[in-house]
Amino acid sequence: MFIFLKQIIFIFLLFTSNSTQASSFEEGLNFSQNGDFKNAFIKWLPVAKQGNRDAQFQIGLMYSYSNGVKQDYLEAIKWHTLAGNNGNRTAQLFLGDLYFDGENVPQNFVEAKKWYSLSANLGDEDALIALGRIYEKGLGVSIDKAYSYMWFNIASQNGCDVGVEESDRLRKTLKLSELKQSKQLMELCTIKNYKNC
């Protein structure tokens, strides 16, 4: 009986905690949309510290662009990394872009690929295109046009216009063996539900 009561209390606390987090995040969003970044920060920081990935991403943006707080790129990277590690695909894409461009961090194509891959696993079209370009140009990886074509094709199949354009462009330059290899990669990736391709 006591164990059952503890389980009920735990579920109640979990539910009310998530409800409070959602409420604070929404309040912060309202403040932010009205340009009141200081109050948005006040609402988001506690829930970000509790692990809310969306609040973590927003805190990172605030530090990146000096919205309501003093600009601090190290603090921004810290919060974006927390959000990305917690599964925020926009944070993952953002980190991929930072490392790809070397913006406020040392340029690192391997790290960019890591973040783009995580975001692509969650279906982000921009990350799919970025991976296609990384493999086409051999940035931090060996040049692999079949793999590049696969990423562009996945983006294309998801309705991404850039994916259609890039896959059409690249297809014209591929050897028959590369097209066959790309088809096999695509089939394997489809079986894996586009995760860890």
N, C-alpha and C. Protein backbone atom coordinates (compact mmCIF):
# COMPACT_ATOMS: atom_id res chain seq x y z
N MET A 1 0.83 -1.19 0.00
CA MET A 1 0.00 0.00 0.00
C MET A 1 0.87 1.25 0.00
N PHE A 2 1.93 1.26 0.84
CA PHE A 2 2.81 2.42 0.96
C PHE A 2 3.54 2.67 -0.37
N ILE A 3 3.99 1.59 -1.03
CA ILE A 3 4.69 1.72 -2.31
C ILE A 3 3.73 2.29 -3.36
N PHE A 4 2.50 1.83 -3.37
CA PHE A 4 1.51 2.33 -4.31
C PHE A 4 1.27 3.82 -4.10
N LEU A 5 1.17 4.23 -2.84
CA LEU A 5 0.97 5.65 -2.52
C LEU A 5 2.16 6.49 -2.98
N LYS A 6 3.38 5.97 -2.79
CA LYS A 6 4.58 6.68 -3.26
C LYS A 6 4.56 6.84 -4.78
N GLN A 7 4.10 5.81 -5.49
CA GLN A 7 4.03 5.88 -6.95
C GLN A 7 3.03 6.94 -7.39
N ILE A 8 1.90 7.01 -6.72
CA ILE A 8 0.88 8.01 -7.06
C ILE A 8 1.43 9.42 -6.82
N ILE A 9 2.10 9.61 -5.70
CA ILE A 9 2.68 10.92 -5.38
C ILE A 9 3.73 11.29 -6.43
N PHE A 10 4.58 10.32 -6.80
CA PHE A 10 5.61 10.58 -7.81
C PHE A 10 4.97 11.00 -9.13
N ILE A 11 3.96 10.28 -9.58
CA ILE A 11 3.28 10.61 -10.85
C ILE A 11 2.65 12.00 -10.75
N PHE A 12 2.03 12.31 -9.62
CA PHE A 12 1.42 13.62 -9.45
C PHE A 12 2.48 14.73 -9.53
N LEU A 13 3.61 14.53 -8.82
CA LEU A 13 4.67 15.53 -8.84
C LEU A 13 5.26 15.69 -10.23
N LEU A 14 5.42 14.58 -10.94
CA LEU A 14 5.94 14.63 -12.30
C LEU A 14 5.00 15.41 -13.20
N PHE A 15 3.70 15.14 -13.08
CA PHE A 15 2.71 15.83 -13.91
C PHE A 15 2.67 17.32 -13.61
N THR A 16 2.63 17.66 -12.32
CA THR A 16 2.55 19.08 -11.97
C THR A 16 3.83 19.81 -12.32
N SER A 17 4.99 19.12 -12.21
CA SER A 17 6.26 19.72 -12.58
C SER A 17 6.28 20.03 -14.08
N ASN A 18 5.86 19.08 -14.90
CA ASN A 18 5.82 19.29 -16.35
C ASN A 18 4.82 20.38 -16.71
N SER A 19 3.70 20.42 -16.01
CA SER A 19 2.69 21.44 -16.26
C SER A 19 3.22 22.82 -15.91
N THR A 20 3.94 22.92 -14.80
CA THR A 20 4.54 24.19 -14.38
C THR A 20 5.61 24.63 -15.39
N GLN A 21 6.43 23.67 -15.84
CA GLN A 21 7.45 23.97 -16.84
C GLN A 21 6.81 24.52 -18.11
N ALA A 22 5.75 23.86 -18.57
CA ALA A 22 5.08 24.28 -19.80
C ALA A 22 4.51 25.69 -19.63
N SER A 23 3.92 25.95 -18.47
CA SER A 23 3.34 27.26 -18.21
C SER A 23 4.42 28.34 -18.20
N SER A 24 5.52 28.07 -17.51
CA SER A 24 6.62 29.05 -17.45
C SER A 24 7.23 29.27 -18.82
N PHE A 25 7.36 28.19 -19.60
CA PHE A 25 7.92 28.35 -20.95
C PHE A 25 7.00 29.22 -21.79
N GLU A 26 5.70 28.97 -21.75
CA GLU A 26 4.74 29.76 -22.52
C GLU A 26 4.74 31.23 -22.09
N GLU A 27 4.83 31.46 -20.79
CA GLU A 27 4.90 32.84 -20.30
C GLU A 27 6.15 33.53 -20.82
N GLY A 28 7.27 32.81 -20.79
CA GLY A 28 8.52 33.36 -21.34
C GLY A 28 8.40 33.65 -22.82
N LEU A 29 7.73 32.77 -23.54
CA LEU A 29 7.53 32.96 -24.98
C LEU A 29 6.72 34.22 -25.24
N ASN A 30 5.67 34.43 -24.44
CA ASN A 30 4.86 35.65 -24.59
C ASN A 30 5.69 36.90 -24.33
N PHE A 31 6.50 36.87 -23.27
CA PHE A 31 7.37 38.02 -23.00
C PHE A 31 8.33 38.26 -24.17
N SER A 32 8.92 37.19 -24.65
CA SER A 32 9.89 37.31 -25.75
C SER A 32 9.25 37.88 -27.01
N GLN A 33 8.07 37.41 -27.34
CA GLN A 33 7.38 37.88 -28.54
C GLN A 33 7.01 39.35 -28.43
N ASN A 34 6.89 39.84 -27.21
CA ASN A 34 6.60 41.26 -27.00
C ASN A 34 7.85 42.09 -26.76
N GLY A 35 9.02 41.46 -26.97
CA GLY A 35 10.28 42.18 -26.84
C GLY A 35 10.77 42.36 -25.41
N ASP A 36 10.11 41.72 -24.46
CA ASP A 36 10.51 41.82 -23.05
C ASP A 36 11.42 40.62 -22.73
N PHE A 37 12.67 40.72 -23.15
CA PHE A 37 13.59 39.60 -23.02
C PHE A 37 14.04 39.36 -21.58
N LYS A 38 14.09 40.42 -20.77
CA LYS A 38 14.51 40.24 -19.38
C LYS A 38 13.52 39.35 -18.63
N ASN A 39 12.23 39.60 -18.81
CA ASN A 39 11.23 38.76 -18.14
C ASN A 39 11.14 37.38 -18.78
N ALA A 40 11.40 37.29 -20.07
CA ALA A 40 11.45 35.98 -20.71
C ALA A 40 12.57 35.15 -20.09
N PHE A 41 13.72 35.79 -19.90
CA PHE A 41 14.87 35.11 -19.29
C PHE A 41 14.51 34.63 -17.88
N ILE A 42 13.84 35.48 -17.12
CA ILE A 42 13.45 35.13 -15.75
C ILE A 42 12.53 33.90 -15.75
N LYS A 43 11.64 33.82 -16.71
CA LYS A 43 10.72 32.67 -16.80
C LYS A 43 11.42 31.42 -17.31
N TRP A 44 12.33 31.59 -18.28
CA TRP A 44 12.95 30.43 -18.92
C TRP A 44 14.10 29.81 -18.12
N LEU A 45 14.87 30.62 -17.42
CA LEU A 45 16.05 30.08 -16.77
C LEU A 45 15.75 28.94 -15.79
N PRO A 46 14.76 29.06 -14.91
CA PRO A 46 14.50 27.94 -13.99
C PRO A 46 14.10 26.65 -14.72
N VAL A 47 13.27 26.77 -15.76
CA VAL A 47 12.85 25.54 -16.45
C VAL A 47 13.98 25.00 -17.33
N ALA A 48 14.84 25.89 -17.80
CA ALA A 48 16.02 25.43 -18.55
C ALA A 48 16.93 24.63 -17.63
N LYS A 49 17.11 25.11 -16.41
CA LYS A 49 17.94 24.40 -15.44
C LYS A 49 17.33 23.06 -15.05
N GLN A 50 16.01 22.95 -15.17
CA GLN A 50 15.32 21.69 -14.87
C GLN A 50 15.36 20.72 -16.06
N GLY A 51 15.95 21.17 -17.19
CA GLY A 51 16.13 20.27 -18.33
C GLY A 51 15.17 20.49 -19.49
N ASN A 52 14.39 21.56 -19.48
CA ASN A 52 13.48 21.83 -20.59
C ASN A 52 14.31 22.26 -21.80
N ARG A 53 14.34 21.40 -22.83
CA ARG A 53 15.20 21.62 -23.99
C ARG A 53 14.83 22.87 -24.78
N ASP A 54 13.55 23.21 -24.82
CA ASP A 54 13.15 24.40 -25.57
C ASP A 54 13.59 25.67 -24.84
N ALA A 55 13.45 25.66 -23.52
CA ALA A 55 13.92 26.80 -22.73
C ALA A 55 15.44 26.91 -22.81
N GLN A 56 16.13 25.77 -22.80
CA GLN A 56 17.59 25.78 -22.92
C GLN A 56 18.00 26.42 -24.24
N PHE A 57 17.31 26.06 -25.32
CA PHE A 57 17.64 26.64 -26.62
C PHE A 57 17.40 28.15 -26.62
N GLN A 58 16.28 28.57 -26.05
CA GLN A 58 15.96 30.01 -26.01
C GLN A 58 16.98 30.78 -25.18
N ILE A 59 17.42 30.21 -24.06
CA ILE A 59 18.45 30.86 -23.23
C ILE A 59 19.74 30.99 -24.05
N GLY A 60 20.07 29.93 -24.80
CA GLY A 60 21.25 29.98 -25.66
C GLY A 60 21.16 31.09 -26.69
N LEU A 61 19.98 31.24 -27.30
CA LEU A 61 19.79 32.32 -28.27
C LEU A 61 19.94 33.69 -27.62
N MET A 62 19.42 33.81 -26.41
CA MET A 62 19.52 35.09 -25.71
C MET A 62 20.98 35.47 -25.49
N TYR A 63 21.79 34.50 -25.09
CA TYR A 63 23.22 34.78 -24.90
C TYR A 63 23.93 35.00 -26.24
N SER A 64 23.48 34.34 -27.29
CA SER A 64 24.10 34.52 -28.61
C SER A 64 23.88 35.92 -29.15
N TYR A 65 22.66 36.43 -28.97
CA TYR A 65 22.27 37.68 -29.62
C TYR A 65 22.07 38.84 -28.66
N SER A 66 22.47 38.66 -27.40
CA SER A 66 22.38 39.72 -26.41
C SER A 66 20.95 40.23 -26.23
N ASN A 67 20.02 39.29 -26.11
CA ASN A 67 18.62 39.64 -25.88
C ASN A 67 18.30 39.48 -24.40
N GLY A 68 18.29 40.58 -23.68
CA GLY A 68 17.95 40.56 -22.27
C GLY A 68 19.10 40.18 -21.35
N VAL A 69 20.20 39.77 -21.92
CA VAL A 69 21.39 39.40 -21.14
C VAL A 69 22.61 39.90 -21.90
N LYS A 70 23.73 39.97 -21.18
CA LYS A 70 24.98 40.36 -21.84
C LYS A 70 25.42 39.23 -22.78
N GLN A 71 25.85 39.59 -23.97
CA GLN A 71 26.30 38.60 -24.95
C GLN A 71 27.45 37.78 -24.37
N ASP A 72 27.31 36.46 -24.46
CA ASP A 72 28.32 35.55 -23.91
C ASP A 72 28.28 34.27 -24.74
N TYR A 73 29.22 34.15 -25.69
CA TYR A 73 29.19 33.01 -26.61
C TYR A 73 29.45 31.68 -25.92
N LEU A 74 30.30 31.68 -24.90
CA LEU A 74 30.55 30.42 -24.18
C LEU A 74 29.29 29.94 -23.47
N GLU A 75 28.58 30.87 -22.87
CA GLU A 75 27.33 30.53 -22.19
C GLU A 75 26.28 30.09 -23.22
N ALA A 76 26.28 30.74 -24.37
CA ALA A 76 25.34 30.36 -25.43
C ALA A 76 25.60 28.93 -25.90
N ILE A 77 26.87 28.60 -26.13
CA ILE A 77 27.23 27.25 -26.57
C ILE A 77 26.83 26.23 -25.50
N LYS A 78 27.05 26.58 -24.24
CA LYS A 78 26.68 25.68 -23.14
C LYS A 78 25.19 25.34 -23.20
N TRP A 79 24.35 26.35 -23.34
CA TRP A 79 22.90 26.13 -23.35
C TRP A 79 22.44 25.44 -24.63
N HIS A 80 23.04 25.81 -25.76
CA HIS A 80 22.67 25.13 -27.01
C HIS A 80 23.06 23.65 -26.96
N THR A 81 24.22 23.38 -26.38
CA THR A 81 24.67 22.00 -26.27
C THR A 81 23.74 21.20 -25.36
N LEU A 82 23.33 21.78 -24.25
CA LEU A 82 22.37 21.11 -23.37
C LEU A 82 21.07 20.81 -24.13
N ALA A 83 20.57 21.81 -24.84
CA ALA A 83 19.33 21.62 -25.61
C ALA A 83 19.50 20.56 -26.69
N GLY A 84 20.64 20.62 -27.38
CA GLY A 84 20.90 19.63 -28.43
C GLY A 84 21.01 18.22 -27.88
N ASN A 85 21.71 18.09 -26.76
CA ASN A 85 21.84 16.77 -26.13
C ASN A 85 20.51 16.26 -25.59
N ASN A 86 19.59 17.18 -25.31
CA ASN A 86 18.26 16.81 -24.84
C ASN A 86 17.27 16.60 -25.99
N GLY A 87 17.76 16.70 -27.23
CA GLY A 87 16.91 16.36 -28.37
C GLY A 87 16.22 17.51 -29.07
N ASN A 88 16.64 18.74 -28.82
CA ASN A 88 16.05 19.87 -29.55
C ASN A 88 16.73 19.95 -30.92
N ARG A 89 15.98 19.59 -31.97
CA ARG A 89 16.59 19.49 -33.30
C ARG A 89 17.03 20.84 -33.85
N THR A 90 16.37 21.91 -33.44
CA THR A 90 16.78 23.24 -33.90
C THR A 90 18.11 23.62 -33.27
N ALA A 91 18.30 23.27 -31.99
CA ALA A 91 19.58 23.51 -31.33
C ALA A 91 20.67 22.68 -32.00
N GLN A 92 20.35 21.46 -32.37
CA GLN A 92 21.32 20.60 -33.05
C GLN A 92 21.73 21.20 -34.39
N LEU A 93 20.75 21.68 -35.15
CA LEU A 93 21.04 22.33 -36.43
C LEU A 93 21.87 23.60 -36.20
N PHE A 94 21.50 24.38 -35.21
CA PHE A 94 22.20 25.63 -34.88
C PHE A 94 23.67 25.33 -34.55
N LEU A 95 23.91 24.30 -33.73
CA LEU A 95 25.29 23.93 -33.39
C LEU A 95 26.04 23.43 -34.62
N GLY A 96 25.36 22.65 -35.46
CA GLY A 96 25.99 22.21 -36.70
C GLY A 96 26.44 23.40 -37.54
N ASP A 97 25.57 24.39 -37.65
CA ASP A 97 25.91 25.59 -38.42
C ASP A 97 27.08 26.35 -37.80
N LEU A 98 27.07 26.47 -36.46
CA LEU A 98 28.17 27.18 -35.79
C LEU A 98 29.51 26.51 -36.07
N TYR A 99 29.56 25.20 -35.92
CA TYR A 99 30.82 24.48 -36.14
C TYR A 99 31.19 24.44 -37.62
N PHE A 100 30.21 24.36 -38.49
CA PHE A 100 30.48 24.35 -39.93
C PHE A 100 31.10 25.68 -40.36
N ASP A 101 30.51 26.77 -39.89
CA ASP A 101 30.97 28.11 -40.28
C ASP A 101 32.14 28.61 -39.44
N GLY A 102 32.38 27.98 -38.28
CA GLY A 102 33.41 28.48 -37.37
C GLY A 102 32.99 29.80 -36.74
N GLU A 103 31.69 29.90 -36.44
CA GLU A 103 31.15 31.14 -35.87
C GLU A 103 31.20 31.07 -34.35
N ASN A 104 32.07 31.84 -33.76
CA ASN A 104 32.25 31.91 -32.31
C ASN A 104 32.78 30.62 -31.68
N VAL A 105 33.15 29.68 -32.52
CA VAL A 105 33.82 28.43 -32.12
C VAL A 105 34.82 28.10 -33.21
N PRO A 106 35.84 27.31 -32.90
CA PRO A 106 36.75 26.90 -33.98
C PRO A 106 36.00 26.06 -35.02
N GLN A 107 36.26 26.32 -36.28
CA GLN A 107 35.61 25.55 -37.34
C GLN A 107 35.98 24.08 -37.18
N ASN A 108 34.96 23.22 -37.21
CA ASN A 108 35.18 21.80 -36.98
C ASN A 108 34.10 21.02 -37.73
N PHE A 109 34.46 20.50 -38.91
CA PHE A 109 33.48 19.81 -39.74
C PHE A 109 33.02 18.49 -39.13
N VAL A 110 33.88 17.84 -38.37
CA VAL A 110 33.49 16.59 -37.71
C VAL A 110 32.40 16.87 -36.67
N GLU A 111 32.60 17.92 -35.90
CA GLU A 111 31.60 18.31 -34.90
C GLU A 111 30.32 18.79 -35.59
N ALA A 112 30.45 19.52 -36.68
CA ALA A 112 29.28 19.96 -37.44
C ALA A 112 28.48 18.75 -37.93
N LYS A 113 29.18 17.76 -38.47
CA LYS A 113 28.51 16.54 -38.96
C LYS A 113 27.77 15.83 -37.85
N LYS A 114 28.40 15.78 -36.68
CA LYS A 114 27.75 15.13 -35.52
C LYS A 114 26.40 15.78 -35.22
N TRP A 115 26.40 17.11 -35.14
CA TRP A 115 25.16 17.82 -34.80
C TRP A 115 24.14 17.76 -35.93
N TYR A 116 24.61 17.88 -37.18
CA TYR A 116 23.69 17.74 -38.31
C TYR A 116 23.07 16.35 -38.33
N SER A 117 23.85 15.33 -38.02
CA SER A 117 23.33 13.96 -38.02
C SER A 117 22.23 13.80 -36.98
N LEU A 118 22.46 14.36 -35.80
CA LEU A 118 21.43 14.27 -34.75
C LEU A 118 20.14 14.98 -35.19
N SER A 119 20.30 16.14 -35.78
CA SER A 119 19.13 16.89 -36.24
C SER A 119 18.44 16.17 -37.40
N ALA A 120 19.23 15.59 -38.30
CA ALA A 120 18.66 14.83 -39.42
C ALA A 120 17.90 13.62 -38.92
N ASN A 121 18.40 12.98 -37.86
CA ASN A 121 17.70 11.84 -37.27
C ASN A 121 16.30 12.22 -36.80
N LEU A 122 16.12 13.50 -36.49
CA LEU A 122 14.81 14.00 -36.06
C LEU A 122 14.01 14.61 -37.21
N GLY A 123 14.55 14.48 -38.44
CA GLY A 123 13.80 14.90 -39.63
C GLY A 123 14.04 16.31 -40.12
N ASP A 124 15.05 16.98 -39.63
CA ASP A 124 15.28 18.36 -40.06
C ASP A 124 15.82 18.40 -41.49
N GLU A 125 15.10 19.05 -42.39
CA GLU A 125 15.47 19.10 -43.82
C GLU A 125 16.77 19.84 -44.05
N ASP A 126 16.99 20.93 -43.33
CA ASP A 126 18.23 21.69 -43.50
C ASP A 126 19.44 20.86 -43.10
N ALA A 127 19.27 20.04 -42.07
CA ALA A 127 20.37 19.16 -41.65
C ALA A 127 20.63 18.09 -42.72
N LEU A 128 19.58 17.58 -43.34
CA LEU A 128 19.76 16.60 -44.42
C LEU A 128 20.56 17.21 -45.57
N ILE A 129 20.23 18.43 -45.95
CA ILE A 129 20.96 19.12 -47.02
C ILE A 129 22.41 19.35 -46.61
N ALA A 130 22.62 19.78 -45.38
CA ALA A 130 23.98 20.03 -44.89
C ALA A 130 24.82 18.75 -44.95
N LEU A 131 24.23 17.62 -44.56
CA LEU A 131 24.96 16.35 -44.63
C LEU A 131 25.29 15.99 -46.08
N GLY A 132 24.36 16.24 -46.98
CA GLY A 132 24.64 16.00 -48.40
C GLY A 132 25.83 16.80 -48.87
N ARG A 133 25.90 18.04 -48.47
CA ARG A 133 27.01 18.91 -48.89
C ARG A 133 28.33 18.48 -48.24
N ILE A 134 28.27 18.08 -46.98
CA ILE A 134 29.48 17.62 -46.28
C ILE A 134 30.08 16.42 -47.00
N TYR A 135 29.23 15.45 -47.37
CA TYR A 135 29.75 14.25 -48.03
C TYR A 135 30.15 14.53 -49.48
N GLU A 136 29.46 15.44 -50.14
CA GLU A 136 29.82 15.76 -51.52
C GLU A 136 31.19 16.43 -51.59
N LYS A 137 31.47 17.30 -50.62
CA LYS A 137 32.72 18.07 -50.65
C LYS A 137 33.83 17.44 -49.80
N GLY A 138 33.49 16.41 -49.02
CA GLY A 138 34.51 15.76 -48.19
C GLY A 138 34.98 16.66 -47.05
N LEU A 139 34.05 17.27 -46.36
CA LEU A 139 34.39 18.19 -45.26
C LEU A 139 34.34 17.41 -43.94
N GLY A 140 35.52 17.02 -43.46
CA GLY A 140 35.60 16.24 -42.23
C GLY A 140 35.32 14.76 -42.44
N VAL A 141 35.02 14.38 -43.66
CA VAL A 141 34.78 12.99 -44.04
C VAL A 141 35.41 12.78 -45.41
N SER A 142 35.50 11.53 -45.83
CA SER A 142 35.95 11.26 -47.20
C SER A 142 34.84 11.65 -48.17
N ILE A 143 35.21 12.13 -49.34
CA ILE A 143 34.20 12.44 -50.36
C ILE A 143 33.45 11.15 -50.67
N ASP A 144 32.13 11.24 -50.62
CA ASP A 144 31.28 10.08 -50.90
C ASP A 144 30.02 10.59 -51.58
N LYS A 145 30.06 10.61 -52.90
CA LYS A 145 28.93 11.18 -53.65
C LYS A 145 27.68 10.32 -53.55
N ALA A 146 27.85 9.00 -53.39
CA ALA A 146 26.69 8.14 -53.22
C ALA A 146 25.97 8.47 -51.91
N TYR A 147 26.74 8.68 -50.87
CA TYR A 147 26.17 9.04 -49.57
C TYR A 147 25.55 10.44 -49.64
N SER A 148 26.24 11.34 -50.32
CA SER A 148 25.72 12.69 -50.50
C SER A 148 24.38 12.65 -51.22
N TYR A 149 24.33 11.89 -52.29
CA TYR A 149 23.09 11.75 -53.07
C TYR A 149 21.97 11.18 -52.20
N MET A 150 22.31 10.21 -51.35
CA MET A 150 21.31 9.63 -50.45
C MET A 150 20.69 10.72 -49.57
N TRP A 151 21.54 11.58 -48.96
CA TRP A 151 21.01 12.63 -48.08
C TRP A 151 20.13 13.61 -48.84
N PHE A 152 20.58 14.03 -50.02
CA PHE A 152 19.76 14.93 -50.84
C PHE A 152 18.43 14.27 -51.21
N ASN A 153 18.50 12.98 -51.51
CA ASN A 153 17.30 12.25 -51.90
C ASN A 153 16.32 12.13 -50.74
N ILE A 154 16.81 11.89 -49.55
CA ILE A 154 15.94 11.82 -48.37
C ILE A 154 15.23 13.16 -48.18
N ALA A 155 16.00 14.24 -48.31
CA ALA A 155 15.40 15.58 -48.19
C ALA A 155 14.34 15.78 -49.27
N SER A 156 14.66 15.34 -50.48
CA SER A 156 13.73 15.44 -51.59
C SER A 156 12.44 14.68 -51.30
N GLN A 157 12.57 13.47 -50.79
CA GLN A 157 11.39 12.65 -50.48
C GLN A 157 10.56 13.24 -49.35
N ASN A 158 11.18 14.08 -48.54
CA ASN A 158 10.46 14.76 -47.48
C ASN A 158 9.81 16.06 -47.96
N GLY A 159 9.89 16.30 -49.26
CA GLY A 159 9.24 17.48 -49.83
C GLY A 159 10.09 18.74 -49.84
N CYS A 160 11.37 18.60 -49.62
CA CYS A 160 12.27 19.76 -49.59
C CYS A 160 12.70 20.12 -51.02
N ASP A 161 12.36 21.33 -51.44
CA ASP A 161 12.70 21.79 -52.79
C ASP A 161 14.20 21.78 -53.04
N VAL A 162 14.98 22.19 -52.06
CA VAL A 162 16.43 22.20 -52.22
C VAL A 162 16.93 20.76 -52.40
N GLY A 163 16.33 19.84 -51.68
CA GLY A 163 16.69 18.43 -51.83
C GLY A 163 16.44 17.93 -53.25
N VAL A 164 15.32 18.35 -53.83
CA VAL A 164 15.00 17.99 -55.22
C VAL A 164 16.07 18.56 -56.16
N GLU A 165 16.38 19.83 -56.00
CA GLU A 165 17.36 20.49 -56.86
C GLU A 165 18.74 19.85 -56.73
N GLU A 166 19.16 19.62 -55.48
CA GLU A 166 20.49 19.07 -55.25
C GLU A 166 20.60 17.62 -55.74
N SER A 167 19.58 16.82 -55.50
CA SER A 167 19.65 15.43 -55.96
C SER A 167 19.62 15.37 -57.48
N ASP A 168 18.83 16.21 -58.13
CA ASP A 168 18.81 16.26 -59.60
C ASP A 168 20.18 16.68 -60.15
N ARG A 169 20.77 17.70 -59.52
CA ARG A 169 22.08 18.19 -59.97
C ARG A 169 23.14 17.10 -59.81
N LEU A 170 23.17 16.47 -58.64
CA LEU A 170 24.21 15.50 -58.35
C LEU A 170 24.04 14.21 -59.17
N ARG A 171 22.80 13.81 -59.40
CA ARG A 171 22.54 12.59 -60.17
C ARG A 171 23.21 12.64 -61.54
N LYS A 172 23.25 13.81 -62.13
CA LYS A 172 23.85 13.97 -63.47
C LYS A 172 25.36 13.71 -63.47
N THR A 173 25.98 13.78 -62.31
CA THR A 173 27.44 13.62 -62.24
C THR A 173 27.86 12.24 -61.72
N LEU A 174 26.89 11.44 -61.28
CA LEU A 174 27.22 10.15 -60.66
C LEU A 174 27.44 9.05 -61.69
N LYS A 175 28.33 8.14 -61.36
CA LYS A 175 28.53 6.93 -62.15
C LYS A 175 27.40 5.97 -61.81
N LEU A 176 27.18 5.01 -62.67
CA LEU A 176 26.14 4.01 -62.44
C LEU A 176 26.39 3.27 -61.13
N SER A 177 27.63 2.93 -60.84
CA SER A 177 27.96 2.23 -59.59
C SER A 177 27.61 3.07 -58.36
N GLU A 178 27.81 4.39 -58.45
CA GLU A 178 27.48 5.28 -57.34
C GLU A 178 25.97 5.38 -57.14
N LEU A 179 25.22 5.38 -58.25
CA LEU A 179 23.76 5.39 -58.16
C LEU A 179 23.25 4.12 -57.50
N LYS A 180 23.83 2.97 -57.88
CA LYS A 180 23.42 1.70 -57.27
C LYS A 180 23.75 1.69 -55.78
N GLN A 181 24.95 2.16 -55.45
CA GLN A 181 25.34 2.20 -54.04
C GLN A 181 24.42 3.12 -53.25
N SER A 182 24.08 4.25 -53.82
CA SER A 182 23.20 5.20 -53.15
C SER A 182 21.82 4.59 -52.94
N LYS A 183 21.34 3.83 -53.92
CA LYS A 183 20.04 3.17 -53.78
C LYS A 183 20.07 2.17 -52.63
N GLN A 184 21.17 1.42 -52.51
CA GLN A 184 21.31 0.46 -51.40
C GLN A 184 21.37 1.19 -50.06
N LEU A 185 22.11 2.28 -50.01
CA LEU A 185 22.19 3.07 -48.78
C LEU A 185 20.81 3.60 -48.40
N MET A 186 20.07 4.06 -49.39
CA MET A 186 18.73 4.61 -49.17
C MET A 186 17.80 3.53 -48.62
N GLU A 187 17.87 2.33 -49.19
CA GLU A 187 17.02 1.23 -48.72
C GLU A 187 17.35 0.89 -47.27
N LEU A 188 18.63 0.83 -46.95
CA LEU A 188 19.06 0.53 -45.59
C LEU A 188 18.60 1.62 -44.63
N CYS A 189 18.74 2.84 -45.07
CA CYS A 189 18.35 3.99 -44.24
C CYS A 189 16.83 3.97 -44.01
N THR A 190 16.07 3.60 -45.02
CA THR A 190 14.61 3.52 -44.89
C THR A 190 14.23 2.46 -43.86
N ILE A 191 14.91 1.31 -43.91
CA ILE A 191 14.65 0.24 -42.94
C ILE A 191 14.91 0.74 -41.52
N LYS A 192 15.94 1.57 -41.37
CA LYS A 192 16.29 2.10 -40.04
C LYS A 192 15.44 3.32 -39.66
N ASN A 193 14.42 3.60 -40.47
CA ASN A 193 13.55 4.75 -40.24
C ASN A 193 14.34 6.06 -40.20
N TYR A 194 15.34 6.14 -41.07
CA TYR A 194 16.18 7.33 -41.25
C TYR A 194 17.00 7.70 -40.01
N LYS A 195 17.18 6.77 -39.10
CA LYS A 195 17.98 7.01 -37.90
C LYS A 195 19.36 6.39 -38.08
N ASN A 196 20.38 7.15 -37.74
CA ASN A 196 21.76 6.67 -37.77
C ASN A 196 22.15 6.08 -39.12
N CYS A 197 21.83 6.78 -40.16
CA CYS A 197 22.16 6.32 -41.51
C CYS A 197 23.63 6.55 -41.83
